[in-house]
Amino acid sequence: YTHDMLAATKVAAIMSPNRNVPRDIYDLHDLAASMPEKLLGDMLELDV
């Protein structure tokens, strides 16, 4: 997976209502230089 895809999936993971995992913050901090905006836009509806 690209860093962008990892970042997009980590955003989805951290925003999951049933998930509260410190590893997501740690990983997203490492992925801060990624650019997952297009992937997030393609994956999710505007309201989400």
ModelCIF file with pLDDT and N, C-alpha, C, O atoms, coordinates in Angstrom:
data_MODEL
#
_entry.id   MODEL 
#
_entity.id                         1 
_entity.type                       polymer 
_entity.pdbx_number_of_molecules   1 
#
_entity_poly.entity_id                      1 
_entity_poly.type                           'polypeptide(L)' 
_entity_poly.nstd_linkage                   no 
_entity_poly.nstd_monomer                   no 
_entity_poly.pdbx_seq_one_letter_code       YTHDMLAATKVAAIMSPNRNVPRDIYDLHDLAASMPEKLLGDMLELDV 
_entity_poly.pdbx_seq_one_letter_code_can   YTHDMLAATKVAAIMSPNRNVPRDIYDLHDLAASMPEKLLGDMLELDV 
_entity_poly.pdbx_strand_id                 A 
#
loop_
_entity_poly_seq.entity_id 
_entity_poly_seq.num 
_entity_poly_seq.mon_id 
_entity_poly_seq.hetero 
1 1  TYR n 
1 2  THR n 
1 3  HIS n 
1 4  ASP n 
1 5  MET n 
1 6  LEU n 
1 7  ALA n 
1 8  ALA n 
1 9  THR n 
1 10 LYS n 
1 11 VAL n 
1 12 ALA n 
1 13 ALA n 
1 14 ILE n 
1 15 MET n 
1 16 SER n 
1 17 PRO n 
1 18 ASN n 
1 19 ARG n 
1 20 ASN n 
1 21 VAL n 
1 22 PRO n 
1 23 ARG n 
1 24 ASP n 
1 25 ILE n 
1 26 TYR n 
1 27 ASP n 
1 28 LEU n 
1 29 HIS n 
1 30 ASP n 
1 31 LEU n 
1 32 ALA n 
1 33 ALA n 
1 34 SER n 
1 35 MET n 
1 36 PRO n 
1 37 GLU n 
1 38 LYS n 
1 39 LEU n 
1 40 LEU n 
1 41 GLY n 
1 42 ASP n 
1 43 MET n 
1 44 LEU n 
1 45 GLU n 
1 46 LEU n 
1 47 ASP n 
1 48 VAL n 
#
_struct_asym.id          A 
_struct_asym.entity_id   1 
#
loop_
_ma_qa_metric.id 
_ma_qa_metric.mode 
_ma_qa_metric.name 
_ma_qa_metric.software_group_id 
_ma_qa_metric.type 
1 global pLDDT . pLDDT 
2 local  pLDDT . pLDDT 
#
_ma_qa_metric_global.metric_id      1 
_ma_qa_metric_global.metric_value   95.81 
_ma_qa_metric_global.model_id       1 
_ma_qa_metric_global.ordinal_id     1 
#
loop_
_ma_qa_metric_local.label_asym_id 
_ma_qa_metric_local.label_comp_id 
_ma_qa_metric_local.label_seq_id 
_ma_qa_metric_local.metric_id 
_ma_qa_metric_local.metric_value 
_ma_qa_metric_local.model_id 
_ma_qa_metric_local.ordinal_id 
A TYR 1  2 92.00 1 1  
A THR 2  2 96.00 1 2  
A HIS 3  2 96.00 1 3  
A ASP 4  2 97.00 1 4  
A MET 5  2 97.00 1 5  
A LEU 6  2 96.00 1 6  
A ALA 7  2 97.00 1 7  
A ALA 8  2 97.00 1 8  
A THR 9  2 96.00 1 9  
A LYS 10 2 97.00 1 10 
A VAL 11 2 98.00 1 11 
A ALA 12 2 97.00 1 12 
A ALA 13 2 97.00 1 13 
A ILE 14 2 97.00 1 14 
A MET 15 2 97.00 1 15 
A SER 16 2 96.00 1 16 
A PRO 17 2 94.00 1 17 
A ASN 18 2 93.00 1 18 
A ARG 19 2 94.00 1 19 
A ASN 20 2 94.00 1 20 
A VAL 21 2 96.00 1 21 
A PRO 22 2 98.00 1 22 
A ARG 23 2 97.00 1 23 
A ASP 24 2 98.00 1 24 
A ILE 25 2 98.00 1 25 
A TYR 26 2 97.00 1 26 
A ASP 27 2 97.00 1 27 
A LEU 28 2 98.00 1 28 
A HIS 29 2 97.00 1 29 
A ASP 30 2 96.00 1 30 
A LEU 31 2 97.00 1 31 
A ALA 32 2 96.00 1 32 
A ALA 33 2 96.00 1 33 
A SER 34 2 96.00 1 34 
A MET 35 2 96.00 1 35 
A PRO 36 2 96.00 1 36 
A GLU 37 2 95.00 1 37 
A LYS 38 2 94.00 1 38 
A LEU 39 2 94.00 1 39 
A LEU 40 2 96.00 1 40 
A GLY 41 2 94.00 1 41 
A ASP 42 2 93.00 1 42 
A MET 43 2 93.00 1 43 
A LEU 44 2 94.00 1 44 
A GLU 45 2 94.00 1 45 
A LEU 46 2 94.00 1 46 
A ASP 47 2 95.00 1 47 
A VAL 48 2 96.00 1 48 
#
loop_
_atom_site.group_PDB 
_atom_site.id 
_atom_site.type_symbol 
_atom_site.label_atom_id 
_atom_site.label_alt_id 
_atom_site.label_comp_id 
_atom_site.label_asym_id 
_atom_site.label_entity_id 
_atom_site.label_seq_id 
_atom_site.pdbx_PDB_ins_code 
_atom_site.Cartn_x 
_atom_site.Cartn_y 
_atom_site.Cartn_z 
_atom_site.occupancy 
_atom_site.B_iso_or_equiv 
_atom_site.pdbx_formal_charge 
_atom_site.auth_seq_id 
_atom_site.auth_comp_id 
_atom_site.auth_asym_id 
_atom_site.auth_atom_id 
_atom_site.pdbx_PDB_model_num 
ATOM 1   N N  . TYR A 1 1  ? 0.835   -1.183 0.000  1.00 92.00 ? 1  TYR A N  1 
ATOM 2   C CA . TYR A 1 1  ? 0.000   0.000  0.000  1.00 92.00 ? 1  TYR A CA 1 
ATOM 3   C C  . TYR A 1 1  ? 0.877   1.242  0.000  1.00 92.00 ? 1  TYR A C  1 
ATOM 4   O O  . TYR A 1 1  ? 1.949   1.254  0.605  1.00 92.00 ? 1  TYR A O  1 
ATOM 5   N N  . THR A 1 2  ? 0.425   2.272  -0.670 1.00 96.00 ? 2  THR A N  1 
ATOM 6   C CA . THR A 1 2  ? 1.128   3.545  -0.645 1.00 96.00 ? 2  THR A CA 1 
ATOM 7   C C  . THR A 1 2  ? 0.898   4.204  0.710  1.00 96.00 ? 2  THR A C  1 
ATOM 8   O O  . THR A 1 2  ? -0.010  3.827  1.451  1.00 96.00 ? 2  THR A O  1 
ATOM 9   N N  . HIS A 1 3  ? 1.727   5.186  1.020  1.00 96.00 ? 3  HIS A N  1 
ATOM 10  C CA . HIS A 1 3  ? 1.516   5.933  2.257  1.00 96.00 ? 3  HIS A CA 1 
ATOM 11  C C  . HIS A 1 3  ? 0.157   6.631  2.241  1.00 96.00 ? 3  HIS A C  1 
ATOM 12  O O  . HIS A 1 3  ? -0.501  6.744  3.275  1.00 96.00 ? 3  HIS A O  1 
ATOM 13  N N  . ASP A 1 4  ? -0.258  7.097  1.060  1.00 97.00 ? 4  ASP A N  1 
ATOM 14  C CA . ASP A 1 4  ? -1.564  7.753  0.963  1.00 97.00 ? 4  ASP A CA 1 
ATOM 15  C C  . ASP A 1 4  ? -2.695  6.785  1.300  1.00 97.00 ? 4  ASP A C  1 
ATOM 16  O O  . ASP A 1 4  ? -3.637  7.149  2.003  1.00 97.00 ? 4  ASP A O  1 
ATOM 17  N N  . MET A 1 5  ? -2.603  5.567  0.806  1.00 97.00 ? 5  MET A N  1 
ATOM 18  C CA . MET A 1 5  ? -3.635  4.570  1.106  1.00 97.00 ? 5  MET A CA 1 
ATOM 19  C C  . MET A 1 5  ? -3.610  4.192  2.588  1.00 97.00 ? 5  MET A C  1 
ATOM 20  O O  . MET A 1 5  ? -4.661  4.036  3.210  1.00 97.00 ? 5  MET A O  1 
ATOM 21  N N  . LEU A 1 6  ? -2.418  4.048  3.145  1.00 96.00 ? 6  LEU A N  1 
ATOM 22  C CA . LEU A 1 6  ? -2.332  3.755  4.582  1.00 96.00 ? 6  LEU A CA 1 
ATOM 23  C C  . LEU A 1 6  ? -2.954  4.880  5.403  1.00 96.00 ? 6  LEU A C  1 
ATOM 24  O O  . LEU A 1 6  ? -3.682  4.628  6.363  1.00 96.00 ? 6  LEU A O  1 
ATOM 25  N N  . ALA A 1 7  ? -2.663  6.125  5.020  1.00 97.00 ? 7  ALA A N  1 
ATOM 26  C CA . ALA A 1 7  ? -3.228  7.263  5.753  1.00 97.00 ? 7  ALA A CA 1 
ATOM 27  C C  . ALA A 1 7  ? -4.749  7.273  5.635  1.00 97.00 ? 7  ALA A C  1 
ATOM 28  O O  . ALA A 1 7  ? -5.443  7.497  6.627  1.00 97.00 ? 7  ALA A O  1 
ATOM 29  N N  . ALA A 1 8  ? -5.270  7.035  4.445  1.00 97.00 ? 8  ALA A N  1 
ATOM 30  C CA . ALA A 1 8  ? -6.727  7.027  4.256  1.00 97.00 ? 8  ALA A CA 1 
ATOM 31  C C  . ALA A 1 8  ? -7.377  5.935  5.096  1.00 97.00 ? 8  ALA A C  1 
ATOM 32  O O  . ALA A 1 8  ? -8.414  6.170  5.717  1.00 97.00 ? 8  ALA A O  1 
ATOM 33  N N  . THR A 1 9  ? -6.789  4.760  5.124  1.00 96.00 ? 9  THR A N  1 
ATOM 34  C CA . THR A 1 9  ? -7.381  3.674  5.910  1.00 96.00 ? 9  THR A CA 1 
ATOM 35  C C  . THR A 1 9  ? -7.226  3.919  7.406  1.00 96.00 ? 9  THR A C  1 
ATOM 36  O O  . THR A 1 9  ? -8.084  3.511  8.188  1.00 96.00 ? 9  THR A O  1 
ATOM 37  N N  . LYS A 1 10 ? -6.143  4.581  7.816  1.00 97.00 ? 10 LYS A N  1 
ATOM 38  C CA . LYS A 1 10 ? -5.972  4.924  9.230  1.00 97.00 ? 10 LYS A CA 1 
ATOM 39  C C  . LYS A 1 10 ? -6.981  5.985  9.665  1.00 97.00 ? 10 LYS A C  1 
ATOM 40  O O  . LYS A 1 10 ? -7.470  5.948  10.794 1.00 97.00 ? 10 LYS A O  1 
ATOM 41  N N  . VAL A 1 11 ? -7.296  6.934  8.771  1.00 98.00 ? 11 VAL A N  1 
ATOM 42  C CA . VAL A 1 11 ? -8.335  7.917  9.092  1.00 98.00 ? 11 VAL A CA 1 
ATOM 43  C C  . VAL A 1 11 ? -9.659  7.192  9.298  1.00 98.00 ? 11 VAL A C  1 
ATOM 44  O O  . VAL A 1 11 ? -10.378 7.463  10.259 1.00 98.00 ? 11 VAL A O  1 
ATOM 45  N N  . ALA A 1 12 ? -9.977  6.270  8.395  1.00 97.00 ? 12 ALA A N  1 
ATOM 46  C CA . ALA A 1 12 ? -11.213 5.496  8.544  1.00 97.00 ? 12 ALA A CA 1 
ATOM 47  C C  . ALA A 1 12 ? -11.204 4.698  9.847  1.00 97.00 ? 12 ALA A C  1 
ATOM 48  O O  . ALA A 1 12 ? -12.231 4.579  10.515 1.00 97.00 ? 12 ALA A O  1 
ATOM 49  N N  . ALA A 1 13 ? -10.046 4.157  10.204 1.00 97.00 ? 13 ALA A N  1 
ATOM 50  C CA . ALA A 1 13 ? -9.953  3.370  11.434 1.00 97.00 ? 13 ALA A CA 1 
ATOM 51  C C  . ALA A 1 13 ? -10.160 4.249  12.667 1.00 97.00 ? 13 ALA A C  1 
ATOM 52  O O  . ALA A 1 13 ? -10.932 3.902  13.561 1.00 97.00 ? 13 ALA A O  1 
ATOM 53  N N  . ILE A 1 14 ? -9.467  5.384  12.709 1.00 97.00 ? 14 ILE A N  1 
ATOM 54  C CA . ILE A 1 14 ? -9.555  6.222  13.911 1.00 97.00 ? 14 ILE A CA 1 
ATOM 55  C C  . ILE A 1 14 ? -10.949 6.826  14.070 1.00 97.00 ? 14 ILE A C  1 
ATOM 56  O O  . ILE A 1 14 ? -11.375 7.117  15.187 1.00 97.00 ? 14 ILE A O  1 
ATOM 57  N N  . MET A 1 15 ? -11.655 7.015  12.962 1.00 97.00 ? 15 MET A N  1 
ATOM 58  C CA . MET A 1 15 ? -12.997 7.598  13.035 1.00 97.00 ? 15 MET A CA 1 
ATOM 59  C C  . MET A 1 15 ? -14.086 6.546  13.226 1.00 97.00 ? 15 MET A C  1 
ATOM 60  O O  . MET A 1 15 ? -15.260 6.893  13.350 1.00 97.00 ? 15 MET A O  1 
ATOM 61  N N  . SER A 1 16 ? -13.722 5.292  13.251 1.00 96.00 ? 16 SER A N  1 
ATOM 62  C CA . SER A 1 16 ? -14.696 4.235  13.493 1.00 96.00 ? 16 SER A CA 1 
ATOM 63  C C  . SER A 1 16 ? -15.290 4.396  14.891 1.00 96.00 ? 16 SER A C  1 
ATOM 64  O O  . SER A 1 16 ? -14.551 4.573  15.861 1.00 96.00 ? 16 SER A O  1 
ATOM 65  N N  . PRO A 1 17 ? -16.611 4.336  15.001 1.00 94.00 ? 17 PRO A N  1 
ATOM 66  C CA . PRO A 1 17 ? -17.233 4.552  16.317 1.00 94.00 ? 17 PRO A CA 1 
ATOM 67  C C  . PRO A 1 17 ? -16.881 3.483  17.348 1.00 94.00 ? 17 PRO A C  1 
ATOM 68  O O  . PRO A 1 17 ? -16.982 3.726  18.551 1.00 94.00 ? 17 PRO A O  1 
ATOM 69  N N  . ASN A 1 18 ? -16.473 2.313  16.891 1.00 93.00 ? 18 ASN A N  1 
ATOM 70  C CA . ASN A 1 18 ? -16.175 1.212  17.808 1.00 93.00 ? 18 ASN A CA 1 
ATOM 71  C C  . ASN A 1 18 ? -14.686 1.038  18.054 1.00 93.00 ? 18 ASN A C  1 
ATOM 72  O O  . ASN A 1 18 ? -14.259 0.001  18.561 1.00 93.00 ? 18 ASN A O  1 
ATOM 73  N N  . ARG A 1 19 ? -13.885 2.047  17.699 1.00 94.00 ? 19 ARG A N  1 
ATOM 74  C CA . ARG A 1 19 ? -12.438 1.912  17.803 1.00 94.00 ? 19 ARG A CA 1 
ATOM 75  C C  . ARG A 1 19 ? -11.879 3.112  18.560 1.00 94.00 ? 19 ARG A C  1 
ATOM 76  O O  . ARG A 1 19 ? -12.283 4.252  18.330 1.00 94.00 ? 19 ARG A O  1 
ATOM 77  N N  . ASN A 1 20 ? -10.949 2.837  19.461 1.00 94.00 ? 20 ASN A N  1 
ATOM 78  C CA . ASN A 1 20 ? -10.327 3.859  20.286 1.00 94.00 ? 20 ASN A CA 1 
ATOM 79  C C  . ASN A 1 20 ? -8.901  3.389  20.585 1.00 94.00 ? 20 ASN A C  1 
ATOM 80  O O  . ASN A 1 20 ? -8.592  3.019  21.717 1.00 94.00 ? 20 ASN A O  1 
ATOM 81  N N  . VAL A 1 21 ? -8.028  3.406  19.562 1.00 96.00 ? 21 VAL A N  1 
ATOM 82  C CA . VAL A 1 21 ? -6.735  2.744  19.632 1.00 96.00 ? 21 VAL A CA 1 
ATOM 83  C C  . VAL A 1 21 ? -5.590  3.753  19.513 1.00 96.00 ? 21 VAL A C  1 
ATOM 84  O O  . VAL A 1 21 ? -5.490  4.448  18.502 1.00 96.00 ? 21 VAL A O  1 
ATOM 85  N N  . PRO A 1 22 ? -4.722  3.844  20.533 1.00 98.00 ? 22 PRO A N  1 
ATOM 86  C CA . PRO A 1 22 ? -3.605  4.786  20.481 1.00 98.00 ? 22 PRO A CA 1 
ATOM 87  C C  . PRO A 1 22 ? -2.682  4.574  19.272 1.00 98.00 ? 22 PRO A C  1 
ATOM 88  O O  . PRO A 1 22 ? -2.076  5.528  18.785 1.00 98.00 ? 22 PRO A O  1 
ATOM 89  N N  . ARG A 1 23 ? -2.574  3.360  18.799 1.00 97.00 ? 23 ARG A N  1 
ATOM 90  C CA . ARG A 1 23 ? -1.703  3.079  17.656 1.00 97.00 ? 23 ARG A CA 1 
ATOM 91  C C  . ARG A 1 23 ? -2.101  3.908  16.433 1.00 97.00 ? 23 ARG A C  1 
ATOM 92  O O  . ARG A 1 23 ? -1.243  4.269  15.627 1.00 97.00 ? 23 ARG A O  1 
ATOM 93  N N  . ASP A 1 24 ? -3.386  4.210  16.289 1.00 98.00 ? 24 ASP A N  1 
ATOM 94  C CA . ASP A 1 24 ? -3.846  5.012  15.153 1.00 98.00 ? 24 ASP A CA 1 
ATOM 95  C C  . ASP A 1 24 ? -3.240  6.415  15.190 1.00 98.00 ? 24 ASP A C  1 
ATOM 96  O O  . ASP A 1 24 ? -2.830  6.940  14.154 1.00 98.00 ? 24 ASP A O  1 
ATOM 97  N N  . ILE A 1 25 ? -3.181  7.021  16.370 1.00 98.00 ? 25 ILE A N  1 
ATOM 98  C CA . ILE A 1 25 ? -2.558  8.345  16.494 1.00 98.00 ? 25 ILE A CA 1 
ATOM 99  C C  . ILE A 1 25 ? -1.079  8.253  16.153 1.00 98.00 ? 25 ILE A C  1 
ATOM 100 O O  . ILE A 1 25 ? -0.557  9.078  15.404 1.00 98.00 ? 25 ILE A O  1 
ATOM 101 N N  . TYR A 1 26 ? -0.412  7.262  16.697 1.00 97.00 ? 26 TYR A N  1 
ATOM 102 C CA . TYR A 1 26 ? 1.020   7.061  16.443 1.00 97.00 ? 26 TYR A CA 1 
ATOM 103 C C  . TYR A 1 26 ? 1.282   6.889  14.942 1.00 97.00 ? 26 TYR A C  1 
ATOM 104 O O  . TYR A 1 26 ? 2.192   7.509  14.390 1.00 97.00 ? 26 TYR A O  1 
ATOM 105 N N  . ASP A 1 27 ? 0.490   6.054  14.298 1.00 97.00 ? 27 ASP A N  1 
ATOM 106 C CA . ASP A 1 27 ? 0.669   5.801  12.863 1.00 97.00 ? 27 ASP A CA 1 
ATOM 107 C C  . ASP A 1 27 ? 0.340   7.034  12.024 1.00 97.00 ? 27 ASP A C  1 
ATOM 108 O O  . ASP A 1 27 ? 1.076   7.358  11.092 1.00 97.00 ? 27 ASP A O  1 
ATOM 109 N N  . LEU A 1 28 ? -0.757  7.724  12.343 1.00 98.00 ? 28 LEU A N  1 
ATOM 110 C CA . LEU A 1 28 ? -1.124  8.923  11.585 1.00 98.00 ? 28 LEU A CA 1 
ATOM 111 C C  . LEU A 1 28 ? -0.084  10.021 11.760 1.00 98.00 ? 28 LEU A C  1 
ATOM 112 O O  . LEU A 1 28 ? 0.158   10.795 10.835 1.00 98.00 ? 28 LEU A O  1 
ATOM 113 N N  . HIS A 1 29 ? 0.525   10.096 12.925 1.00 97.00 ? 29 HIS A N  1 
ATOM 114 C CA . HIS A 1 29 ? 1.595   11.073 13.131 1.00 97.00 ? 29 HIS A CA 1 
ATOM 115 C C  . HIS A 1 29 ? 2.750   10.776 12.185 1.00 97.00 ? 29 HIS A C  1 
ATOM 116 O O  . HIS A 1 29 ? 3.332   11.696 11.610 1.00 97.00 ? 29 HIS A O  1 
ATOM 117 N N  . ASP A 1 30 ? 3.083   9.514  12.021 1.00 96.00 ? 30 ASP A N  1 
ATOM 118 C CA . ASP A 1 30 ? 4.145   9.119  11.082 1.00 96.00 ? 30 ASP A CA 1 
ATOM 119 C C  . ASP A 1 30 ? 3.747   9.347  9.626  1.00 96.00 ? 30 ASP A C  1 
ATOM 120 O O  . ASP A 1 30 ? 4.612   9.571  8.779  1.00 96.00 ? 30 ASP A O  1 
ATOM 121 N N  . LEU A 1 31 ? 2.476   9.293  9.331  1.00 97.00 ? 31 LEU A N  1 
ATOM 122 C CA . LEU A 1 31 ? 1.979   9.436  7.958  1.00 97.00 ? 31 LEU A CA 1 
ATOM 123 C C  . LEU A 1 31 ? 1.576   10.874 7.619  1.00 97.00 ? 31 LEU A C  1 
ATOM 124 O O  . LEU A 1 31 ? 0.924   11.102 6.600  1.00 97.00 ? 31 LEU A O  1 
ATOM 125 N N  . ALA A 1 32 ? 1.949   11.835 8.446  1.00 96.00 ? 32 ALA A N  1 
ATOM 126 C CA . ALA A 1 32 ? 1.501   13.220 8.283  1.00 96.00 ? 32 ALA A CA 1 
ATOM 127 C C  . ALA A 1 32 ? 1.868   13.824 6.938  1.00 96.00 ? 32 ALA A C  1 
ATOM 128 O O  . ALA A 1 32 ? 1.163   14.714 6.460  1.00 96.00 ? 32 ALA A O  1 
ATOM 129 N N  . ALA A 1 33 ? 2.936   13.377 6.319  1.00 96.00 ? 33 ALA A N  1 
ATOM 130 C CA . ALA A 1 33 ? 3.352   13.933 5.025  1.00 96.00 ? 33 ALA A CA 1 
ATOM 131 C C  . ALA A 1 33 ? 2.566   13.336 3.859  1.00 96.00 ? 33 ALA A C  1 
ATOM 132 O O  . ALA A 1 33 ? 2.736   13.761 2.716  1.00 96.00 ? 33 ALA A O  1 
ATOM 133 N N  . SER A 1 34 ? 1.728   12.376 4.133  1.00 96.00 ? 34 SER A N  1 
ATOM 134 C CA . SER A 1 34 ? 0.934   11.733 3.080  1.00 96.00 ? 34 SER A CA 1 
ATOM 135 C C  . SER A 1 34 ? -0.098  12.709 2.541  1.00 96.00 ? 34 SER A C  1 
ATOM 136 O O  . SER A 1 34 ? -0.350  13.764 3.124  1.00 96.00 ? 34 SER A O  1 
ATOM 137 N N  . MET A 1 35 ? -0.693  12.329 1.404  1.00 96.00 ? 35 MET A N  1 
ATOM 138 C CA . MET A 1 35 ? -1.723  13.154 0.772  1.00 96.00 ? 35 MET A CA 1 
ATOM 139 C C  . MET A 1 35 ? -2.909  12.276 0.373  1.00 96.00 ? 35 MET A C  1 
ATOM 140 O O  . MET A 1 35 ? -3.102  12.004 -0.812 1.00 96.00 ? 35 MET A O  1 
ATOM 141 N N  . PRO A 1 36 ? -3.710  11.829 1.355  1.00 96.00 ? 36 PRO A N  1 
ATOM 142 C CA . PRO A 1 36 ? -4.808  10.904 1.064  1.00 96.00 ? 36 PRO A CA 1 
ATOM 143 C C  . PRO A 1 36 ? -6.131  11.572 0.685  1.00 96.00 ? 36 PRO A C  1 
ATOM 144 O O  . PRO A 1 36 ? -7.159  10.898 0.617  1.00 96.00 ? 36 PRO A O  1 
ATOM 145 N N  . GLU A 1 37 ? -6.122  12.881 0.438  1.00 95.00 ? 37 GLU A N  1 
ATOM 146 C CA . GLU A 1 37 ? -7.371  13.601 0.220  1.00 95.00 ? 37 GLU A CA 1 
ATOM 147 C C  . GLU A 1 37 ? -8.199  13.014 -0.914 1.00 95.00 ? 37 GLU A C  1 
ATOM 148 O O  . GLU A 1 37 ? -9.406  12.826 -0.766 1.00 95.00 ? 37 GLU A O  1 
ATOM 149 N N  . LYS A 1 38 ? -7.564  12.723 -2.044 1.00 94.00 ? 38 LYS A N  1 
ATOM 150 C CA . LYS A 1 38 ? -8.305  12.171 -3.181 1.00 94.00 ? 38 LYS A CA 1 
ATOM 151 C C  . LYS A 1 38 ? -8.897  10.811 -2.822 1.00 94.00 ? 38 LYS A C  1 
ATOM 152 O O  . LYS A 1 38 ? -10.057 10.532 -3.128 1.00 94.00 ? 38 LYS A O  1 
ATOM 153 N N  . LEU A 1 39 ? -8.104  9.976  -2.178 1.00 94.00 ? 39 LEU A N  1 
ATOM 154 C CA . LEU A 1 39 ? -8.596  8.656  -1.780 1.00 94.00 ? 39 LEU A CA 1 
ATOM 155 C C  . LEU A 1 39 ? -9.761  8.782  -0.800 1.00 94.00 ? 39 LEU A C  1 
ATOM 156 O O  . LEU A 1 39 ? -10.759 8.073  -0.930 1.00 94.00 ? 39 LEU A O  1 
ATOM 157 N N  . LEU A 1 40 ? -9.640  9.672  0.171  1.00 96.00 ? 40 LEU A N  1 
ATOM 158 C CA . LEU A 1 40 ? -10.741 9.875  1.113  1.00 96.00 ? 40 LEU A CA 1 
ATOM 159 C C  . LEU A 1 40 ? -11.982 10.357 0.385  1.00 96.00 ? 40 LEU A C  1 
ATOM 160 O O  . LEU A 1 40 ? -13.091 9.902  0.665  1.00 96.00 ? 40 LEU A O  1 
ATOM 161 N N  . GLY A 1 41 ? -11.793 11.285 -0.557 1.00 94.00 ? 41 GLY A N  1 
ATOM 162 C CA . GLY A 1 41 ? -12.918 11.791 -1.333 1.00 94.00 ? 41 GLY A CA 1 
ATOM 163 C C  . GLY A 1 41 ? -13.562 10.717 -2.178 1.00 94.00 ? 41 GLY A C  1 
ATOM 164 O O  . GLY A 1 41 ? -14.781 10.701 -2.349 1.00 94.00 ? 41 GLY A O  1 
ATOM 165 N N  . ASP A 1 42 ? -12.744 9.809  -2.713 1.00 93.00 ? 42 ASP A N  1 
ATOM 166 C CA . ASP A 1 42 ? -13.280 8.711  -3.524 1.00 93.00 ? 42 ASP A CA 1 
ATOM 167 C C  . ASP A 1 42 ? -13.963 7.642  -2.671 1.00 93.00 ? 42 ASP A C  1 
ATOM 168 O O  . ASP A 1 42 ? -14.912 6.998  -3.118 1.00 93.00 ? 42 ASP A O  1 
ATOM 169 N N  . MET A 1 43 ? -13.478 7.459  -1.449 1.00 93.00 ? 43 MET A N  1 
ATOM 170 C CA . MET A 1 43 ? -13.982 6.401  -0.574 1.00 93.00 ? 43 MET A CA 1 
ATOM 171 C C  . MET A 1 43 ? -15.285 6.788  0.135  1.00 93.00 ? 43 MET A C  1 
ATOM 172 O O  . MET A 1 43 ? -16.116 5.928  0.428  1.00 93.00 ? 43 MET A O  1 
ATOM 173 N N  . LEU A 1 44 ? -15.457 8.085  0.408  1.00 94.00 ? 44 LEU A N  1 
ATOM 174 C CA . LEU A 1 44 ? -16.513 8.510  1.325  1.00 94.00 ? 44 LEU A CA 1 
ATOM 175 C C  . LEU A 1 44 ? -17.449 9.528  0.693  1.00 94.00 ? 44 LEU A C  1 
ATOM 176 O O  . LEU A 1 44 ? -17.050 10.322 -0.158 1.00 94.00 ? 44 LEU A O  1 
ATOM 177 N N  . GLU A 1 45 ? -18.692 9.486  1.124  1.00 94.00 ? 45 GLU A N  1 
ATOM 178 C CA . GLU A 1 45 ? -19.687 10.468 0.701  1.00 94.00 ? 45 GLU A CA 1 
ATOM 179 C C  . GLU A 1 45 ? -19.395 11.803 1.389  1.00 94.00 ? 45 GLU A C  1 
ATOM 180 O O  . GLU A 1 45 ? -18.756 11.847 2.440  1.00 94.00 ? 45 GLU A O  1 
ATOM 181 N N  . LEU A 1 46 ? -19.873 12.888 0.778  1.00 94.00 ? 46 LEU A N  1 
ATOM 182 C CA . LEU A 1 46 ? -19.635 14.219 1.328  1.00 94.00 ? 46 LEU A CA 1 
ATOM 183 C C  . LEU A 1 46 ? -20.148 14.369 2.760  1.00 94.00 ? 46 LEU A C  1 
ATOM 184 O O  . LEU A 1 46 ? -19.500 15.009 3.589  1.00 94.00 ? 46 LEU A O  1 
ATOM 185 N N  . ASP A 1 47 ? -21.298 13.785 3.049  1.00 95.00 ? 47 ASP A N  1 
ATOM 186 C CA . ASP A 1 47 ? -21.846 13.924 4.402  1.00 95.00 ? 47 ASP A CA 1 
ATOM 187 C C  . ASP A 1 47 ? -20.968 13.216 5.433  1.00 95.00 ? 47 ASP A C  1 
ATOM 188 O O  . ASP A 1 47 ? -20.849 13.684 6.565  1.00 95.00 ? 47 ASP A O  1 
ATOM 189 N N  . VAL A 1 48 ? -20.357 12.102 5.057  1.00 96.00 ? 48 VAL A N  1 
ATOM 190 C CA . VAL A 1 48 ? -19.454 11.389 5.970  1.00 96.00 ? 48 VAL A CA 1 
ATOM 191 C C  . VAL A 1 48 ? -18.185 12.208 6.173  1.00 96.00 ? 48 VAL A C  1 
ATOM 192 O O  . VAL A 1 48 ? -17.290 11.789 6.907  1.00 96.00 ? 48 VAL A O  1 
#
